[in-house]
Structures are given as structure tokens and as C-alpha cells.
Amino acid sequence: MRETGKRARRRISTEIKRVGPLRFIDVLAFRLYYRLFLARQDRRWEEQKLEELRAIYPALKNVPVLMTHSPNSEEAERFIKEQRPDIMIARCKSLLKESVFSIPTKGTLVMHPGICPEYRNAHGCFWALANDDRSKVGMTMLRIDKGVDTGPVFGYYHYSGDDSRDSHVVIQHRVVLDNLEAIGKKLHEIFLGEAVPIDTKGRKSSTWGQPWLTKYLGWKSRARRG
């Protein structure tokens, strides 16, 4: 996916409406801090992890690829239908329209970076740590429905690293990569129709926006104190 300028501006506008213009400065401050002090180290970690994964898993050949500005575009919908998938995993920040997520016969799944329903949206691990809610630092596997991260939950996968050292980006990668075997097993159960959804009734549902620098500094300060 290659995001257009229009989509980027829409996301900025949405975040300003969510938190207000003053708090949006906190968001921008974190973006700058991350670029200056964390991004290079995270890229090195990602490159090393990719090399490790390439050594474990053989490369797939002749994989069809479509470049598009949106997973909801007509060409994306047509492309997915041509592949006739049993299961699809959505690894994007866009909400999928029903005509897209309903194509796979066994459903479209999301590996959401946060424990749902308490930490929905794209930075759930960050906000769980920012709120010192460590039992909720993890990934949720759910099947997409018409809501926003509200579909049936099939699994939670947690992080067991050192959050005084790891960035929120590394943590959100690790809740997936450290649990690949368990995730693969669960996908097989879903395909066979044997997976049982987890009951989430009665739990508080919350949505969270972009990380704030003030919250990041508070989280790291607590983590370093032990």
C-alpha cells in the first residue's frame, strides 16, 4: 500500500479532533523524538529479525502482488477475489469495507497490537504500558466484523521482554513474532472451524490514538525504576 497525501491529511485531521490541537503538539513531539533517538535502532532490530526469519522460513516463489493506495479500492477487491482465499490477514491501518473483508470463506483476521476490547486502535501496546497496565500488553487475534476491532476474539499473545529497553514499535512486533508457532496453530484451528471465540462481554471497551511524548517518558521512567 502506498498512502496518498489525501489519506494522510485525513488521518491528521481525525487525530486533532480526537485529542485537540494542544495535545496534538504532544503527538508531534513524540514523532520528532522517535525519529531522532529511536528510529535508527528500531530499523537495525527489524533488519536483524528479518534475517533470522529468512533463515527459518524458505522464500515463497511466484507470489502475486498488487500495489494500491487503499485496501478498499476496486482493484484490491478484484485482486483478492481472484486469489479465492480461505483466510485473509489484514495488516493495514484502514478499516475494510464489508465487500472486501467478507471475501475469504473463513473470514478476515486482524492481529491487533493491543488487548481488545480495552486497548483498541493502532497503538494498544503503547497505551497499556503508558497506563502501567502490563497484563494488557499483547496482541489480539480477531475476526473482522462491521465494527471497529469488535469482532470475535480467538486469541491473546503477550510480550515477555524488557520494556525499559524495547521501544513500542519493537514490542508491537514482538507480540507477533515471539508467538508465531501459537499463531499458526490458531489459524489452523480457525480454518478447520474448531476455534472457539473468547467471551469478552462485560469488559470495558476503549479506543486510543497516537502516542504522546509525555506518556512515553512516564512509561520509561517507571520501567527503569523496575
C-alpha atoms as a PDB file:
ATOM      1  CA  MET A   1       0.000   0.000   0.000  1.00  0.00           C
ATOM      2  CA  ARG A   2       1.164   3.489  -0.856  1.00  0.00           C
ATOM      3  CA  GLU A   3      -0.781   6.077   1.067  1.00  0.00           C
ATOM      4  CA  THR A   4      -1.887   9.194  -0.797  1.00  0.00           C
ATOM      5  CA  GLY A   5      -1.444  12.692   0.615  1.00  0.00           C
ATOM      6  CA  LYS A   6      -5.207  12.995   0.959  1.00  0.00           C
ATOM      7  CA  ARG A   7      -5.425   9.916   3.206  1.00  0.00           C
ATOM      8  CA  ALA A   8      -2.529  11.171   5.353  1.00  0.00           C
ATOM      9  CA  ARG A   9      -4.223  14.551   5.810  1.00  0.00           C
ATOM     10  CA  ARG A  10      -7.456  12.826   6.780  1.00  0.00           C
ATOM     11  CA  ARG A  11      -5.661  10.822   9.488  1.00  0.00           C
ATOM     12  CA  ILE A  12      -4.079  14.012  10.877  1.00  0.00           C
ATOM     13  CA  SER A  13      -7.461  15.751  10.940  1.00  0.00           C
ATOM     14  CA  THR A  14      -9.019  12.796  12.756  1.00  0.00           C
ATOM     15  CA  GLU A  15      -6.305  12.798  15.416  1.00  0.00           C
ATOM     16  CA  ILE A  16      -6.647  16.544  16.036  1.00  0.00           C
ATOM     17  CA  LYS A  17     -10.395  16.078  16.526  1.00  0.00           C
ATOM     18  CA  ARG A  18      -9.709  13.204  18.920  1.00  0.00           C
ATOM     19  CA  VAL A  19      -7.199  14.924  21.225  1.00  0.00           C
ATOM     20  CA  GLY A  20      -7.403  18.646  20.437  1.00  0.00           C
ATOM     21  CA  PRO A  21      -4.735  20.976  18.998  1.00  0.00           C
ATOM     22  CA  LEU A  22      -2.674  21.330  22.204  1.00  0.00           C
ATOM     23  CA  ARG A  23      -2.403  17.603  22.814  1.00  0.00           C
ATOM     24  CA  PHE A  24      -1.616  17.109  19.124  1.00  0.00           C
ATOM     25  CA  ILE A  25       1.612  19.017  19.819  1.00  0.00           C
ATOM     26  CA  ASP A  26       2.425  16.212  22.284  1.00  0.00           C
ATOM     27  CA  VAL A  27       1.819  13.721  19.448  1.00  0.00           C
ATOM     28  CA  LEU A  28       4.126  15.644  17.108  1.00  0.00           C
ATOM     29  CA  ALA A  29       6.769  15.932  19.839  1.00  0.00           C
ATOM     30  CA  PHE A  30       6.817  12.156  20.178  1.00  0.00           C
ATOM     31  CA  ARG A  31       7.109  11.721  16.402  1.00  0.00           C
ATOM     32  CA  LEU A  32      10.154  14.013  16.416  1.00  0.00           C
ATOM     33  CA  TYR A  33      11.672  12.288  19.457  1.00  0.00           C
ATOM     34  CA  TYR A  34      11.195   8.881  17.859  1.00  0.00           C
ATOM     35  CA  ARG A  35      12.817   9.980  14.606  1.00  0.00           C
ATOM     36  CA  LEU A  36      15.825  11.491  16.367  1.00  0.00           C
ATOM     37  CA  PHE A  37      16.500   8.925  19.083  1.00  0.00           C
ATOM     38  CA  LEU A  38      14.715   5.611  18.398  1.00  0.00           C
ATOM     39  CA  ALA A  39      14.084   5.047  14.694  1.00  0.00           C
ATOM     40  CA  ARG A  40      17.620   4.022  13.693  1.00  0.00           C
ATOM     41  CA  GLN A  41      17.912   1.443  16.460  1.00  0.00           C
ATOM     42  CA  ASP A  42      14.481   0.028  15.599  1.00  0.00           C
ATOM     43  CA  ARG A  43      15.410  -0.306  11.923  1.00  0.00           C
ATOM     44  CA  ARG A  44      18.509  -2.295  12.901  1.00  0.00           C
ATOM     45  CA  TRP A  45      16.379  -4.561  15.079  1.00  0.00           C
ATOM     46  CA  GLU A  46      13.882  -5.098  12.241  1.00  0.00           C
ATOM     47  CA  GLU A  47      16.636  -5.904   9.743  1.00  0.00           C
ATOM     48  CA  GLN A  48      18.202  -8.424  12.129  1.00  0.00           C
ATOM     49  CA  LYS A  49      14.829 -10.038  12.819  1.00  0.00           C
ATOM     50  CA  LEU A  50      14.108 -10.322   9.087  1.00  0.00           C
ATOM     51  CA  GLU A  51      17.427 -12.100   8.570  1.00  0.00           C
ATOM     52  CA  GLU A  52      16.563 -14.535  11.358  1.00  0.00           C
ATOM     53  CA  LEU A  53      13.137 -15.241   9.835  1.00  0.00           C
ATOM     54  CA  ARG A  54      14.613 -15.740   6.356  1.00  0.00           C
ATOM     55  CA  ALA A  55      16.925 -18.364   7.808  1.00  0.00           C
ATOM     56  CA  ILE A  56      13.984 -20.224   9.360  1.00  0.00           C
ATOM     57  CA  TYR A  57      11.315 -19.925   6.667  1.00  0.00           C
ATOM     58  CA  PRO A  58      12.024 -20.632   2.974  1.00  0.00           C
ATOM     59  CA  ALA A  59      11.128 -17.929   0.476  1.00  0.00           C
ATOM     60  CA  LEU A  60       7.841 -18.313  -1.401  1.00  0.00           C
ATOM     61  CA  LYS A  61       8.022 -18.094  -5.170  1.00  0.00           C
ATOM     62  CA  ASN A  62       5.628 -16.546  -7.684  1.00  0.00           C
ATOM     63  CA  VAL A  63       3.560 -14.738  -5.050  1.00  0.00           C
ATOM     64  CA  PRO A  64       1.094 -12.355  -6.749  1.00  0.00           C
ATOM     65  CA  VAL A  65       1.464  -8.768  -5.536  1.00  0.00           C
ATOM     66  CA  LEU A  66      -0.773  -5.728  -6.023  1.00  0.00           C
ATOM     67  CA  MET A  67       0.314  -2.166  -5.204  1.00  0.00           C
ATOM     68  CA  THR A  68      -2.638   0.058  -4.353  1.00  0.00           C
ATOM     69  CA  HIS A  69      -3.455   3.242  -2.447  1.00  0.00           C
ATOM     70  CA  SER A  70      -6.189   1.545  -0.409  1.00  0.00           C
ATOM     71  CA  PRO A  71      -7.252  -1.997   0.549  1.00  0.00           C
ATOM     72  CA  ASN A  72     -10.801  -0.881  -0.273  1.00  0.00           C
ATOM     73  CA  SER A  73     -10.022   0.085  -3.873  1.00  0.00           C
ATOM     74  CA  GLU A  74     -11.793  -1.664  -6.729  1.00  0.00           C
ATOM     75  CA  GLU A  75      -8.545  -3.212  -7.922  1.00  0.00           C
ATOM     76  CA  ALA A  76      -7.806  -4.557  -4.432  1.00  0.00           C
ATOM     77  CA  GLU A  77     -11.246  -6.135  -4.155  1.00  0.00           C
ATOM     78  CA  ARG A  78     -10.903  -7.686  -7.593  1.00  0.00           C
ATOM     79  CA  PHE A  79      -7.388  -8.947  -6.812  1.00  0.00           C
ATOM     80  CA  ILE A  80      -8.494 -10.646  -3.578  1.00  0.00           C
ATOM     81  CA  LYS A  81     -11.434 -12.310  -5.295  1.00  0.00           C
ATOM     82  CA  GLU A  82      -9.095 -13.705  -7.954  1.00  0.00           C
ATOM     83  CA  GLN A  83      -6.951 -15.362  -5.249  1.00  0.00           C
ATOM     84  CA  ARG A  84     -10.004 -17.084  -3.687  1.00  0.00           C
ATOM     85  CA  PRO A  85      -8.578 -17.106  -0.129  1.00  0.00           C
ATOM     86  CA  ASP A  86      -9.860 -19.257   2.727  1.00  0.00           C
ATOM     87  CA  ILE A  87      -8.395 -16.866   5.311  1.00  0.00           C
ATOM     88  CA  MET A  88      -7.066 -13.341   4.887  1.00  0.00           C
ATOM     89  CA  ILE A  89      -4.922 -11.441   7.398  1.00  0.00           C
ATOM     90  CA  ALA A  90      -5.312  -7.669   7.244  1.00  0.00           C
ATOM     91  CA  ARG A  91      -2.043  -5.909   8.117  1.00  0.00           C
ATOM     92  CA  CYS A  92      -3.147  -2.325   7.481  1.00  0.00           C
ATOM     93  CA  LYS A  93      -4.474   0.656   9.417  1.00  0.00           C
ATOM     94  CA  SER A  94      -7.520   1.160   7.207  1.00  0.00           C
ATOM     95  CA  LEU A  95     -10.956  -0.163   8.120  1.00  0.00           C
ATOM     96  CA  LEU A  96     -12.007  -2.657   5.473  1.00  0.00           C
ATOM     97  CA  LYS A  97     -15.406  -2.422   3.851  1.00  0.00           C
ATOM     98  CA  GLU A  98     -17.647  -5.469   4.083  1.00  0.00           C
ATOM     99  CA  SER A  99     -17.373  -6.321   0.393  1.00  0.00           C
ATOM    100  CA  VAL A 100     -13.625  -6.807   0.983  1.00  0.00           C
ATOM    101  CA  PHE A 101     -13.403  -8.482   4.407  1.00  0.00           C
ATOM    102  CA  SER A 102     -16.233 -10.890   3.562  1.00  0.00           C
ATOM    103  CA  ILE A 103     -14.423 -12.410   0.539  1.00  0.00           C
ATOM    104  CA  PRO A 104     -12.444 -15.155   2.381  1.00  0.00           C
ATOM    105  CA  THR A 105     -14.632 -18.151   3.169  1.00  0.00           C
ATOM    106  CA  LYS A 106     -13.256 -18.497   6.736  1.00  0.00           C
ATOM    107  CA  GLY A 107     -13.048 -14.771   7.414  1.00  0.00           C
ATOM    108  CA  THR A 108     -10.569 -11.901   7.529  1.00  0.00           C
ATOM    109  CA  LEU A 109      -8.411 -11.768  10.642  1.00  0.00           C
ATOM    110  CA  VAL A 110      -6.550  -8.915  12.311  1.00  0.00           C
ATOM    111  CA  MET A 111      -3.511  -9.292  14.543  1.00  0.00           C
ATOM    112  CA  HIS A 112      -4.308  -6.195  16.555  1.00  0.00           C
ATOM    113  CA  PRO A 113      -1.430  -4.564  18.513  1.00  0.00           C
ATOM    114  CA  GLY A 114      -3.279  -4.368  21.807  1.00  0.00           C
ATOM    115  CA  ILE A 115      -5.572  -6.422  24.026  1.00  0.00           C
ATOM    116  CA  CYS A 116      -9.171  -5.888  22.940  1.00  0.00           C
ATOM    117  CA  PRO A 117     -11.610  -4.579  23.930  1.00  0.00           C
ATOM    118  CA  GLU A 118      -9.620  -2.495  26.462  1.00  0.00           C
ATOM    119  CA  TYR A 119      -6.929  -1.267  24.039  1.00  0.00           C
ATOM    120  CA  ARG A 120      -8.307  -0.846  20.559  1.00  0.00           C
ATOM    121  CA  ASN A 121      -6.797   1.106  17.620  1.00  0.00           C
ATOM    122  CA  ALA A 122      -3.226   1.003  16.318  1.00  0.00           C
ATOM    123  CA  HIS A 123      -1.089   1.581  19.446  1.00  0.00           C
ATOM    124  CA  GLY A 124      -2.637  -0.634  22.092  1.00  0.00           C
ATOM    125  CA  CYS A 125       0.665  -1.906  23.492  1.00  0.00           C
ATOM    126  CA  PHE A 126       1.954   1.634  23.930  1.00  0.00           C
ATOM    127  CA  TRP A 127      -1.133   2.752  25.835  1.00  0.00           C
ATOM    128  CA  ALA A 128      -1.204  -0.306  28.077  1.00  0.00           C
ATOM    129  CA  LEU A 129       2.385   0.467  29.095  1.00  0.00           C
ATOM    130  CA  ALA A 130       1.663   4.193  29.380  1.00  0.00           C
ATOM    131  CA  ASN A 131      -1.190   3.317  31.775  1.00  0.00           C
ATOM    132  CA  ASP A 132       1.014   0.833  33.676  1.00  0.00           C
ATOM    133  CA  ASP A 133      -1.458  -1.891  32.689  1.00  0.00           C
ATOM    134  CA  ARG A 134       1.148  -4.557  31.978  1.00  0.00           C
ATOM    135  CA  SER A 135      -1.217  -7.526  31.878  1.00  0.00           C
ATOM    136  CA  LYS A 136      -2.787  -5.965  28.783  1.00  0.00           C
ATOM    137  CA  VAL A 137       0.441  -5.645  26.760  1.00  0.00           C
ATOM    138  CA  GLY A 138      -0.120  -8.011  23.870  1.00  0.00           C
ATOM    139  CA  MET A 139      -1.740  -8.814  20.553  1.00  0.00           C
ATOM    140  CA  THR A 140      -5.347  -9.778  19.887  1.00  0.00           C
ATOM    141  CA  MET A 141      -6.318 -12.062  17.033  1.00  0.00           C
ATOM    142  CA  LEU A 142      -9.860 -11.262  15.997  1.00  0.00           C
ATOM    143  CA  ARG A 143     -12.102 -11.755  13.003  1.00  0.00           C
ATOM    144  CA  ILE A 144     -13.297  -8.568  11.349  1.00  0.00           C
ATOM    145  CA  ASP A 145     -16.964  -7.630  11.514  1.00  0.00           C
ATOM    146  CA  LYS A 146     -18.788  -4.384  10.746  1.00  0.00           C
ATOM    147  CA  GLY A 147     -17.499  -2.650  13.901  1.00  0.00           C
ATOM    148  CA  VAL A 148     -14.080  -1.223  14.765  1.00  0.00           C
ATOM    149  CA  ASP A 149     -11.986  -4.005  16.320  1.00  0.00           C
ATOM    150  CA  THR A 150     -15.185  -5.544  17.707  1.00  0.00           C
ATOM    151  CA  GLY A 151     -15.252  -8.955  16.003  1.00  0.00           C
ATOM    152  CA  PRO A 152     -14.931 -12.328  17.774  1.00  0.00           C
ATOM    153  CA  VAL A 153     -11.609 -12.737  19.584  1.00  0.00           C
ATOM    154  CA  PHE A 154      -9.728 -16.004  19.026  1.00  0.00           C
ATOM    155  CA  GLY A 155      -6.535 -15.429  20.972  1.00  0.00           C
ATOM    156  CA  TYR A 156      -4.281 -13.173  23.057  1.00  0.00           C
ATOM    157  CA  TYR A 157      -0.496 -13.244  22.610  1.00  0.00           C
ATOM    158  CA  HIS A 158       1.715 -11.480  25.128  1.00  0.00           C
ATOM    159  CA  TYR A 159       5.111  -9.808  25.438  1.00  0.00           C
ATOM    160  CA  SER A 160       7.746 -11.016  27.896  1.00  0.00           C
ATOM    161  CA  GLY A 161      10.700  -8.753  27.072  1.00  0.00           C
ATOM    162  CA  ASP A 162      12.318  -5.784  28.799  1.00  0.00           C
ATOM    163  CA  ASP A 163      10.163  -2.707  28.215  1.00  0.00           C
ATOM    164  CA  SER A 164      12.803  -0.437  29.738  1.00  0.00           C
ATOM    165  CA  ARG A 165      14.891  -1.256  26.674  1.00  0.00           C
ATOM    166  CA  ASP A 166      12.442  -2.042  23.861  1.00  0.00           C
ATOM    167  CA  SER A 167      10.533   0.691  22.041  1.00  0.00           C
ATOM    168  CA  HIS A 168       6.769   0.490  21.486  1.00  0.00           C
ATOM    169  CA  VAL A 169       7.478  -0.442  17.846  1.00  0.00           C
ATOM    170  CA  VAL A 170       9.694  -3.384  18.797  1.00  0.00           C
ATOM    171  CA  ILE A 171       7.171  -4.524  21.417  1.00  0.00           C
ATOM    172  CA  GLN A 172       4.325  -4.468  18.896  1.00  0.00           C
ATOM    173  CA  HIS A 173       6.441  -6.565  16.523  1.00  0.00           C
ATOM    174  CA  ARG A 174       7.438  -8.988  19.263  1.00  0.00           C
ATOM    175  CA  VAL A 175       3.891  -9.767  20.408  1.00  0.00           C
ATOM    176  CA  VAL A 176       3.512 -11.311  16.939  1.00  0.00           C
ATOM    177  CA  LEU A 177       6.993 -12.640  16.149  1.00  0.00           C
ATOM    178  CA  ASP A 178       7.586 -14.213  19.575  1.00  0.00           C
ATOM    179  CA  ASN A 179       4.339 -16.173  19.187  1.00  0.00           C
ATOM    180  CA  LEU A 180       4.447 -17.401  15.592  1.00  0.00           C
ATOM    181  CA  GLU A 181       4.044 -21.084  16.442  1.00  0.00           C
ATOM    182  CA  ALA A 182       0.958 -20.461  18.590  1.00  0.00           C
ATOM    183  CA  ILE A 183      -0.482 -18.093  15.989  1.00  0.00           C
ATOM    184  CA  GLY A 184      -0.009 -20.678  13.248  1.00  0.00           C
ATOM    185  CA  LYS A 185      -1.797 -23.298  15.355  1.00  0.00           C
ATOM    186  CA  LYS A 186      -4.717 -20.949  15.952  1.00  0.00           C
ATOM    187  CA  LEU A 187      -5.027 -20.120  12.242  1.00  0.00           C
ATOM    188  CA  HIS A 188      -5.230 -23.843  11.513  1.00  0.00           C
ATOM    189  CA  GLU A 189      -7.991 -24.242  14.121  1.00  0.00           C
ATOM    190  CA  ILE A 190      -9.926 -21.352  12.562  1.00  0.00           C
ATOM    191  CA  PHE A 191      -9.582 -22.912   9.120  1.00  0.00           C
ATOM    192  CA  LEU A 192     -10.921 -26.233  10.447  1.00  0.00           C
ATOM    193  CA  GLY A 193     -13.769 -24.493  12.274  1.00  0.00           C
ATOM    194  CA  GLU A 194     -12.510 -25.726  15.647  1.00  0.00           C
ATOM    195  CA  ALA A 195     -11.525 -22.363  17.181  1.00  0.00           C
ATOM    196  CA  VAL A 196     -13.793 -21.121  19.982  1.00  0.00           C
ATOM    197  CA  PRO A 197     -14.095 -17.325  20.432  1.00  0.00           C
ATOM    198  CA  ILE A 198     -13.142 -15.826  23.799  1.00  0.00           C
ATOM    199  CA  ASP A 199     -16.012 -14.264  25.746  1.00  0.00           C
ATOM    200  CA  THR A 200     -15.333 -10.524  26.166  1.00  0.00           C
ATOM    201  CA  LYS A 201     -18.780  -9.481  27.428  1.00  0.00           C
ATOM    202  CA  GLY A 202     -18.827  -7.028  30.316  1.00  0.00           C
ATOM    203  CA  ARG A 203     -15.305  -5.734  29.744  1.00  0.00           C
ATOM    204  CA  LYS A 204     -14.633  -2.029  29.236  1.00  0.00           C
ATOM    205  CA  SER A 205     -14.032  -1.024  25.631  1.00  0.00           C
ATOM    206  CA  SER A 206     -11.707   1.898  24.912  1.00  0.00           C
ATOM    207  CA  THR A 207     -10.130   3.449  21.831  1.00  0.00           C
ATOM    208  CA  TRP A 208      -6.692   5.082  21.802  1.00  0.00           C
ATOM    209  CA  GLY A 209      -4.933   7.422  19.408  1.00  0.00           C
ATOM    210  CA  GLN A 210      -1.316   8.208  18.577  1.00  0.00           C
ATOM    211  CA  PRO A 211       1.441   8.045  21.253  1.00  0.00           C
ATOM    212  CA  TRP A 212       2.243  11.158  23.323  1.00  0.00           C
ATOM    213  CA  LEU A 213       5.767  12.121  24.344  1.00  0.00           C
ATOM    214  CA  THR A 214       4.676  12.876  27.923  1.00  0.00           C
ATOM    215  CA  LYS A 215       3.142   9.392  28.266  1.00  0.00           C
ATOM    216  CA  TYR A 216       6.219   7.767  26.715  1.00  0.00           C
ATOM    217  CA  LEU A 217       8.576   9.469  29.175  1.00  0.00           C
ATOM    218  CA  GLY A 218       6.362   8.454  32.103  1.00  0.00           C
ATOM    219  CA  TRP A 219       6.303   4.811  30.967  1.00  0.00           C
ATOM    220  CA  LYS A 220      10.088   4.657  30.517  1.00  0.00           C
ATOM    221  CA  SER A 221      10.727   6.303  33.849  1.00  0.00           C
ATOM    222  CA  ARG A 222       8.638   3.672  35.664  1.00  0.00           C
ATOM    223  CA  ALA A 223      10.227   0.831  33.672  1.00  0.00           C
ATOM    224  CA  ARG A 224      13.768   1.917  34.541  1.00  0.00           C
ATOM    225  CA  ARG A 225      12.893   2.133  38.255  1.00  0.00           C
ATOM    226  CA  GLY A 226      11.910  -1.508  37.992  1.00  0.00           C
END
